[in-house]
Amino acid sequence: MQAIRPRPSSRTLGACAALALFASPALAHDGEVGGFLSGILHPISGLDHVLAMVAVGLWGAQLGKPQIWLLPITFPLVMAIGGAAGLMGFPLPGVEIGIAGSAIALGALVLLEAKPPIWASMLLVAAFAIFHGYAHGTELPEDQSGALYSLGFVISTGMLHALGIAIGAIHRWPKGEAALRAAGGVVAIGGMFFLATSLGWIA
C-alpha cells in the first residue's frame, strides 16, 4: 500500500515563494558587499601602493597647511578618475613603473623636505594618483559592483593618507624632523626595489 504524502500547506508554499523572490536580490547584495570589501582591501594588499599613499600623508604633514589636507583630497579624487579609466579598459602604459616611481619621488620629496608651490605639489600628486587608480580599476573582481569597489579603494586610500599624516606629526619636534626625513628615504628605497622588480631586474 502506497503511503499518502501530505500536501504542503498554503503557508509553506507562500514561504517558498518569498524565498525565491528574495534570493536574487540577496545574491546581488552579496556582490555589492564583496565589491566594497575588495575595494577596501585592494590598496593595502600591495606594499608599493601602501608606501606611496602613506608618503602623501607624510609629505602633507611636512608641508603643513594647506597641503596637509589638499594633497590627501587631491589624490583620492584623481585616483577615482584613473580607476574609472581602468574599469572601462582605456590603455595606459607603464602603470607598474608609474606606481614604483611615485614611491621613489614622494619618498625623495620627504627626504629632501622639498617645498614646491601649492599647485605644483597638487599636480604631482594627481599625476601619480592616475597610475594607482588605474591599477585598482583593472583588477575589479568579476560579478562585483564597480561603483562600490571604487568607493572602497578611495576610502582605504584616505585612511592610508591619514596614517601618513599621523606619523608625520613627529616633525613638530627637532628629532622628529630627522626621523620623518629618514622615513621618506625608506619609502624611496622601497620604490626603487619595486621599480627594479617591474623592470625585471629582480626576479
C-alpha atoms as a PDB file:
ATOM      1  CA  MET A   1       0.000   0.000   0.000  1.00  0.00           C
ATOM      2  CA  GLN A   2       1.487   3.333  -1.049  1.00  0.00           C
ATOM      3  CA  ALA A   3       1.953   5.864   1.715  1.00  0.00           C
ATOM      4  CA  ILE A   4      -0.011   9.067   1.413  1.00  0.00           C
ATOM      5  CA  ARG A   5       2.266  12.115   1.452  1.00  0.00           C
ATOM      6  CA  PRO A   6       0.870  15.265   2.998  1.00  0.00           C
ATOM      7  CA  ARG A   7       0.496  18.173   0.634  1.00  0.00           C
ATOM      8  CA  PRO A   8       2.344  21.362   1.510  1.00  0.00           C
ATOM      9  CA  SER A   9       0.190  23.927   3.228  1.00  0.00           C
ATOM     10  CA  SER A  10      -0.523  27.317   1.730  1.00  0.00           C
ATOM     11  CA  ARG A  11       1.793  28.858   4.320  1.00  0.00           C
ATOM     12  CA  THR A  12       4.658  26.614   3.209  1.00  0.00           C
ATOM     13  CA  LEU A  13       4.072  27.476  -0.436  1.00  0.00           C
ATOM     14  CA  GLY A  14       3.974  31.150   0.446  1.00  0.00           C
ATOM     15  CA  ALA A  15       7.267  30.916   2.327  1.00  0.00           C
ATOM     16  CA  CYS A  16       8.947  29.169  -0.614  1.00  0.00           C
ATOM     17  CA  ALA A  17       7.682  31.822  -2.983  1.00  0.00           C
ATOM     18  CA  ALA A  18       9.033  34.570  -0.725  1.00  0.00           C
ATOM     19  CA  LEU A  19      12.444  32.888  -0.556  1.00  0.00           C
ATOM     20  CA  ALA A  20      12.528  32.627  -4.333  1.00  0.00           C
ATOM     21  CA  LEU A  21      11.677  36.316  -4.701  1.00  0.00           C
ATOM     22  CA  PHE A  22      14.391  37.432  -2.300  1.00  0.00           C
ATOM     23  CA  ALA A  23      17.094  35.033  -3.469  1.00  0.00           C
ATOM     24  CA  SER A  24      18.304  37.147  -6.396  1.00  0.00           C
ATOM     25  CA  PRO A  25      18.386  40.456  -4.508  1.00  0.00           C
ATOM     26  CA  ALA A  26      20.290  38.748  -1.697  1.00  0.00           C
ATOM     27  CA  LEU A  27      22.898  37.441  -4.121  1.00  0.00           C
ATOM     28  CA  ALA A  28      23.197  40.882  -5.702  1.00  0.00           C
ATOM     29  CA  HIS A  29      23.625  42.386  -2.252  1.00  0.00           C
ATOM     30  CA  ASP A  30      26.426  39.932  -1.527  1.00  0.00           C
ATOM     31  CA  GLY A  31      28.129  41.019  -4.753  1.00  0.00           C
ATOM     32  CA  GLU A  32      27.858  44.665  -3.746  1.00  0.00           C
ATOM     33  CA  VAL A  33      29.250  43.990  -0.271  1.00  0.00           C
ATOM     34  CA  GLY A  34      32.038  41.929  -1.814  1.00  0.00           C
ATOM     35  CA  GLY A  35      32.859  44.751  -4.215  1.00  0.00           C
ATOM     36  CA  PHE A  36      33.102  47.280  -1.392  1.00  0.00           C
ATOM     37  CA  LEU A  37      35.270  44.999   0.747  1.00  0.00           C
ATOM     38  CA  SER A  38      37.501  44.185  -2.229  1.00  0.00           C
ATOM     39  CA  GLY A  39      37.963  47.904  -2.801  1.00  0.00           C
ATOM     40  CA  ILE A  40      38.827  48.491   0.860  1.00  0.00           C
ATOM     41  CA  LEU A  41      41.395  45.696   0.868  1.00  0.00           C
ATOM     42  CA  HIS A  42      42.983  46.260  -2.535  1.00  0.00           C
ATOM     43  CA  PRO A  43      45.187  49.304  -1.718  1.00  0.00           C
ATOM     44  CA  ILE A  44      46.630  47.614   1.369  1.00  0.00           C
ATOM     45  CA  SER A  45      47.305  44.347  -0.459  1.00  0.00           C
ATOM     46  CA  GLY A  46      50.358  45.778  -2.230  1.00  0.00           C
ATOM     47  CA  LEU A  47      53.256  47.369  -0.367  1.00  0.00           C
ATOM     48  CA  ASP A  48      54.031  49.620  -3.346  1.00  0.00           C
ATOM     49  CA  HIS A  49      50.573  51.206  -3.039  1.00  0.00           C
ATOM     50  CA  VAL A  50      50.879  51.494   0.741  1.00  0.00           C
ATOM     51  CA  LEU A  51      54.278  53.215   0.600  1.00  0.00           C
ATOM     52  CA  ALA A  52      53.138  55.842  -1.908  1.00  0.00           C
ATOM     53  CA  MET A  53      49.841  56.592  -0.189  1.00  0.00           C
ATOM     54  CA  VAL A  54      51.402  56.886   3.257  1.00  0.00           C
ATOM     55  CA  ALA A  55      54.077  59.128   1.716  1.00  0.00           C
ATOM     56  CA  VAL A  56      51.371  61.526   0.509  1.00  0.00           C
ATOM     57  CA  GLY A  57      50.321  61.962   4.125  1.00  0.00           C
ATOM     58  CA  LEU A  58      53.923  62.284   5.313  1.00  0.00           C
ATOM     59  CA  TRP A  59      54.630  64.996   2.771  1.00  0.00           C
ATOM     60  CA  GLY A  60      51.394  66.816   3.537  1.00  0.00           C
ATOM     61  CA  ALA A  61      52.225  66.843   7.249  1.00  0.00           C
ATOM     62  CA  GLN A  62      55.702  68.086   6.466  1.00  0.00           C
ATOM     63  CA  LEU A  63      54.412  70.898   4.231  1.00  0.00           C
ATOM     64  CA  GLY A  64      51.687  71.977   6.657  1.00  0.00           C
ATOM     65  CA  LYS A  65      48.596  73.974   5.744  1.00  0.00           C
ATOM     66  CA  PRO A  66      47.004  73.958   3.231  1.00  0.00           C
ATOM     67  CA  GLN A  67      48.776  70.965   1.630  1.00  0.00           C
ATOM     68  CA  ILE A  68      48.197  68.809   4.702  1.00  0.00           C
ATOM     69  CA  TRP A  69      44.577  68.491   3.589  1.00  0.00           C
ATOM     70  CA  LEU A  70      44.797  69.462  -0.096  1.00  0.00           C
ATOM     71  CA  LEU A  71      47.087  66.557  -1.033  1.00  0.00           C
ATOM     72  CA  PRO A  72      45.025  63.821   0.701  1.00  0.00           C
ATOM     73  CA  ILE A  73      41.923  65.167  -1.029  1.00  0.00           C
ATOM     74  CA  THR A  74      43.511  65.536  -4.459  1.00  0.00           C
ATOM     75  CA  PHE A  75      44.981  62.037  -4.562  1.00  0.00           C
ATOM     76  CA  PRO A  76      41.761  60.014  -3.954  1.00  0.00           C
ATOM     77  CA  LEU A  77      39.668  62.230  -6.223  1.00  0.00           C
ATOM     78  CA  VAL A  78      42.038  61.921  -9.172  1.00  0.00           C
ATOM     79  CA  MET A  79      42.633  58.255  -8.347  1.00  0.00           C
ATOM     80  CA  ALA A  80      38.908  57.651  -8.824  1.00  0.00           C
ATOM     81  CA  ILE A  81      39.244  59.039 -12.362  1.00  0.00           C
ATOM     82  CA  GLY A  82      42.137  56.668 -13.022  1.00  0.00           C
ATOM     83  CA  GLY A  83      40.065  53.835 -11.586  1.00  0.00           C
ATOM     84  CA  ALA A  84      37.204  54.619 -13.961  1.00  0.00           C
ATOM     85  CA  ALA A  85      39.642  54.561 -16.880  1.00  0.00           C
ATOM     86  CA  GLY A  86      40.872  51.152 -15.749  1.00  0.00           C
ATOM     87  CA  LEU A  87      37.331  49.813 -15.363  1.00  0.00           C
ATOM     88  CA  MET A  88      36.464  50.952 -18.892  1.00  0.00           C
ATOM     89  CA  GLY A  89      39.610  49.420 -20.352  1.00  0.00           C
ATOM     90  CA  PHE A  90      41.349  52.556 -21.602  1.00  0.00           C
ATOM     91  CA  PRO A  91      45.043  51.844 -22.327  1.00  0.00           C
ATOM     92  CA  LEU A  92      47.662  53.309 -20.014  1.00  0.00           C
ATOM     93  CA  PRO A  93      51.242  52.107 -20.495  1.00  0.00           C
ATOM     94  CA  GLY A  94      53.822  51.812 -17.741  1.00  0.00           C
ATOM     95  CA  VAL A  95      51.395  51.534 -14.836  1.00  0.00           C
ATOM     96  CA  GLU A  96      53.664  49.497 -12.559  1.00  0.00           C
ATOM     97  CA  ILE A  97      56.607  51.768 -13.365  1.00  0.00           C
ATOM     98  CA  GLY A  98      54.445  54.798 -12.559  1.00  0.00           C
ATOM     99  CA  ILE A  99      53.413  53.312  -9.203  1.00  0.00           C
ATOM    100  CA  ALA A 100      57.012  52.496  -8.255  1.00  0.00           C
ATOM    101  CA  GLY A 101      58.106  55.929  -9.484  1.00  0.00           C
ATOM    102  CA  SER A 102      55.515  57.587  -7.266  1.00  0.00           C
ATOM    103  CA  ALA A 103      57.003  55.943  -4.171  1.00  0.00           C
ATOM    104  CA  ILE A 104      60.515  56.980  -5.235  1.00  0.00           C
ATOM    105  CA  ALA A 105      59.537  60.579  -5.944  1.00  0.00           C
ATOM    106  CA  LEU A 106      57.297  61.096  -2.909  1.00  0.00           C
ATOM    107  CA  GLY A 107      59.828  59.472  -0.607  1.00  0.00           C
ATOM    108  CA  ALA A 108      62.600  61.645  -2.033  1.00  0.00           C
ATOM    109  CA  LEU A 109      60.489  64.781  -1.589  1.00  0.00           C
ATOM    110  CA  VAL A 110      60.007  63.942   2.085  1.00  0.00           C
ATOM    111  CA  LEU A 111      63.690  63.064   2.470  1.00  0.00           C
ATOM    112  CA  LEU A 112      64.757  66.365   0.937  1.00  0.00           C
ATOM    113  CA  GLU A 113      61.992  68.277   2.736  1.00  0.00           C
ATOM    114  CA  ALA A 114      61.021  69.796  -0.609  1.00  0.00           C
ATOM    115  CA  LYS A 115      58.521  72.667  -0.531  1.00  0.00           C
ATOM    116  CA  PRO A 116      57.302  73.416  -4.048  1.00  0.00           C
ATOM    117  CA  PRO A 117      54.393  75.791  -4.773  1.00  0.00           C
ATOM    118  CA  ILE A 118      50.957  74.504  -3.782  1.00  0.00           C
ATOM    119  CA  TRP A 119      49.830  73.987  -7.381  1.00  0.00           C
ATOM    120  CA  ALA A 120      52.984  72.011  -8.190  1.00  0.00           C
ATOM    121  CA  SER A 121      52.581  69.663  -5.230  1.00  0.00           C
ATOM    122  CA  MET A 122      48.923  69.041  -6.129  1.00  0.00           C
ATOM    123  CA  LEU A 123      49.760  68.442  -9.796  1.00  0.00           C
ATOM    124  CA  LEU A 124      52.491  65.967  -8.910  1.00  0.00           C
ATOM    125  CA  VAL A 125      50.260  64.021  -6.522  1.00  0.00           C
ATOM    126  CA  ALA A 126      47.443  63.995  -9.083  1.00  0.00           C
ATOM    127  CA  ALA A 127      49.729  62.592 -11.780  1.00  0.00           C
ATOM    128  CA  PHE A 128      50.763  59.689  -9.564  1.00  0.00           C
ATOM    129  CA  ALA A 129      47.164  59.086  -8.478  1.00  0.00           C
ATOM    130  CA  ILE A 130      46.200  58.243 -12.060  1.00  0.00           C
ATOM    131  CA  PHE A 131      48.511  55.215 -12.087  1.00  0.00           C
ATOM    132  CA  HIS A 132      47.341  53.921  -8.714  1.00  0.00           C
ATOM    133  CA  GLY A 133      43.676  54.347  -9.603  1.00  0.00           C
ATOM    134  CA  TYR A 134      44.115  52.684 -12.973  1.00  0.00           C
ATOM    135  CA  ALA A 135      45.771  49.667 -11.365  1.00  0.00           C
ATOM    136  CA  HIS A 136      42.879  49.329  -8.925  1.00  0.00           C
ATOM    137  CA  GLY A 137      40.295  49.688 -11.684  1.00  0.00           C
ATOM    138  CA  THR A 138      41.759  46.964 -13.880  1.00  0.00           C
ATOM    139  CA  GLU A 139      41.627  44.459 -11.010  1.00  0.00           C
ATOM    140  CA  LEU A 140      37.904  44.640 -10.237  1.00  0.00           C
ATOM    141  CA  PRO A 141      36.749  41.099  -9.292  1.00  0.00           C
ATOM    142  CA  GLU A 142      34.089  39.573 -11.539  1.00  0.00           C
ATOM    143  CA  ASP A 143      30.400  39.964 -10.626  1.00  0.00           C
ATOM    144  CA  GLN A 144      31.092  42.770  -8.159  1.00  0.00           C
ATOM    145  CA  SER A 145      29.915  46.356  -8.132  1.00  0.00           C
ATOM    146  CA  GLY A 146      32.400  48.678  -9.813  1.00  0.00           C
ATOM    147  CA  ALA A 147      30.940  51.727  -8.070  1.00  0.00           C
ATOM    148  CA  LEU A 148      31.213  50.243  -4.583  1.00  0.00           C
ATOM    149  CA  TYR A 149      34.630  48.785  -5.366  1.00  0.00           C
ATOM    150  CA  SER A 150      35.800  52.274  -6.351  1.00  0.00           C
ATOM    151  CA  LEU A 151      34.260  53.772  -3.222  1.00  0.00           C
ATOM    152  CA  GLY A 152      36.076  51.155  -1.152  1.00  0.00           C
ATOM    153  CA  PHE A 153      39.533  51.856  -2.542  1.00  0.00           C
ATOM    154  CA  VAL A 154      39.024  55.612  -2.268  1.00  0.00           C
ATOM    155  CA  ILE A 155      38.114  55.259   1.434  1.00  0.00           C
ATOM    156  CA  SER A 156      41.030  52.902   2.055  1.00  0.00           C
ATOM    157  CA  THR A 157      43.400  55.332   0.348  1.00  0.00           C
ATOM    158  CA  GLY A 158      42.146  58.164   2.526  1.00  0.00           C
ATOM    159  CA  MET A 159      42.847  56.057   5.611  1.00  0.00           C
ATOM    160  CA  LEU A 160      46.432  55.441   4.442  1.00  0.00           C
ATOM    161  CA  HIS A 161      46.866  59.187   3.899  1.00  0.00           C
ATOM    162  CA  ALA A 162      45.570  59.777   7.420  1.00  0.00           C
ATOM    163  CA  LEU A 163      48.097  57.266   8.738  1.00  0.00           C
ATOM    164  CA  GLY A 164      50.873  59.160   6.973  1.00  0.00           C
ATOM    165  CA  ILE A 165      49.677  62.462   8.436  1.00  0.00           C
ATOM    166  CA  ALA A 166      49.588  60.933  11.923  1.00  0.00           C
ATOM    167  CA  ILE A 167      53.140  59.636  11.532  1.00  0.00           C
ATOM    168  CA  GLY A 168      54.229  62.930  10.036  1.00  0.00           C
ATOM    169  CA  ALA A 169      53.172  64.761  13.193  1.00  0.00           C
ATOM    170  CA  ILE A 170      56.582  63.835  14.629  1.00  0.00           C
ATOM    171  CA  HIS A 171      58.109  66.657  12.582  1.00  0.00           C
ATOM    172  CA  ARG A 172      56.993  69.091  15.282  1.00  0.00           C
ATOM    173  CA  TRP A 173      59.968  68.024  17.396  1.00  0.00           C
ATOM    174  CA  PRO A 174      63.626  68.577  16.377  1.00  0.00           C
ATOM    175  CA  LYS A 175      64.483  64.884  16.369  1.00  0.00           C
ATOM    176  CA  GLY A 176      61.169  64.139  14.722  1.00  0.00           C
ATOM    177  CA  GLU A 177      62.151  66.164  11.655  1.00  0.00           C
ATOM    178  CA  ALA A 178      65.141  63.900  11.087  1.00  0.00           C
ATOM    179  CA  ALA A 179      63.026  60.792  11.688  1.00  0.00           C
ATOM    180  CA  LEU A 180      60.433  61.971   9.160  1.00  0.00           C
ATOM    181  CA  ARG A 181      63.097  62.593   6.539  1.00  0.00           C
ATOM    182  CA  ALA A 182      64.503  59.132   7.249  1.00  0.00           C
ATOM    183  CA  ALA A 183      61.026  57.679   6.716  1.00  0.00           C
ATOM    184  CA  GLY A 184      60.967  59.383   3.323  1.00  0.00           C
ATOM    185  CA  GLY A 185      64.261  57.711   2.499  1.00  0.00           C
ATOM    186  CA  VAL A 186      62.826  54.309   3.411  1.00  0.00           C
ATOM    187  CA  VAL A 187      59.846  54.933   1.111  1.00  0.00           C
ATOM    188  CA  ALA A 188      62.164  55.943  -1.750  1.00  0.00           C
ATOM    189  CA  ILE A 189      64.310  52.829  -1.291  1.00  0.00           C
ATOM    190  CA  GLY A 190      61.178  50.679  -1.292  1.00  0.00           C
ATOM    191  CA  GLY A 191      60.091  52.361  -4.519  1.00  0.00           C
ATOM    192  CA  MET A 192      63.452  51.583  -6.095  1.00  0.00           C
ATOM    193  CA  PHE A 193      63.003  47.927  -5.209  1.00  0.00           C
ATOM    194  CA  PHE A 194      59.566  47.816  -6.825  1.00  0.00           C
ATOM    195  CA  LEU A 195      60.871  49.666  -9.887  1.00  0.00           C
ATOM    196  CA  ALA A 196      63.636  47.093 -10.302  1.00  0.00           C
ATOM    197  CA  THR A 197      61.061  44.332  -9.927  1.00  0.00           C
ATOM    198  CA  SER A 198      58.709  45.841 -12.514  1.00  0.00           C
ATOM    199  CA  LEU A 199      61.610  46.218 -14.976  1.00  0.00           C
ATOM    200  CA  GLY A 200      62.605  42.602 -14.457  1.00  0.00           C
ATOM    201  CA  TRP A 201      65.946  43.400 -12.852  1.00  0.00           C
ATOM    202  CA  ILE A 202      64.895  41.463  -9.752  1.00  0.00           C
ATOM    203  CA  ALA A 203      63.100  38.145 -10.165  1.00  0.00           C
END
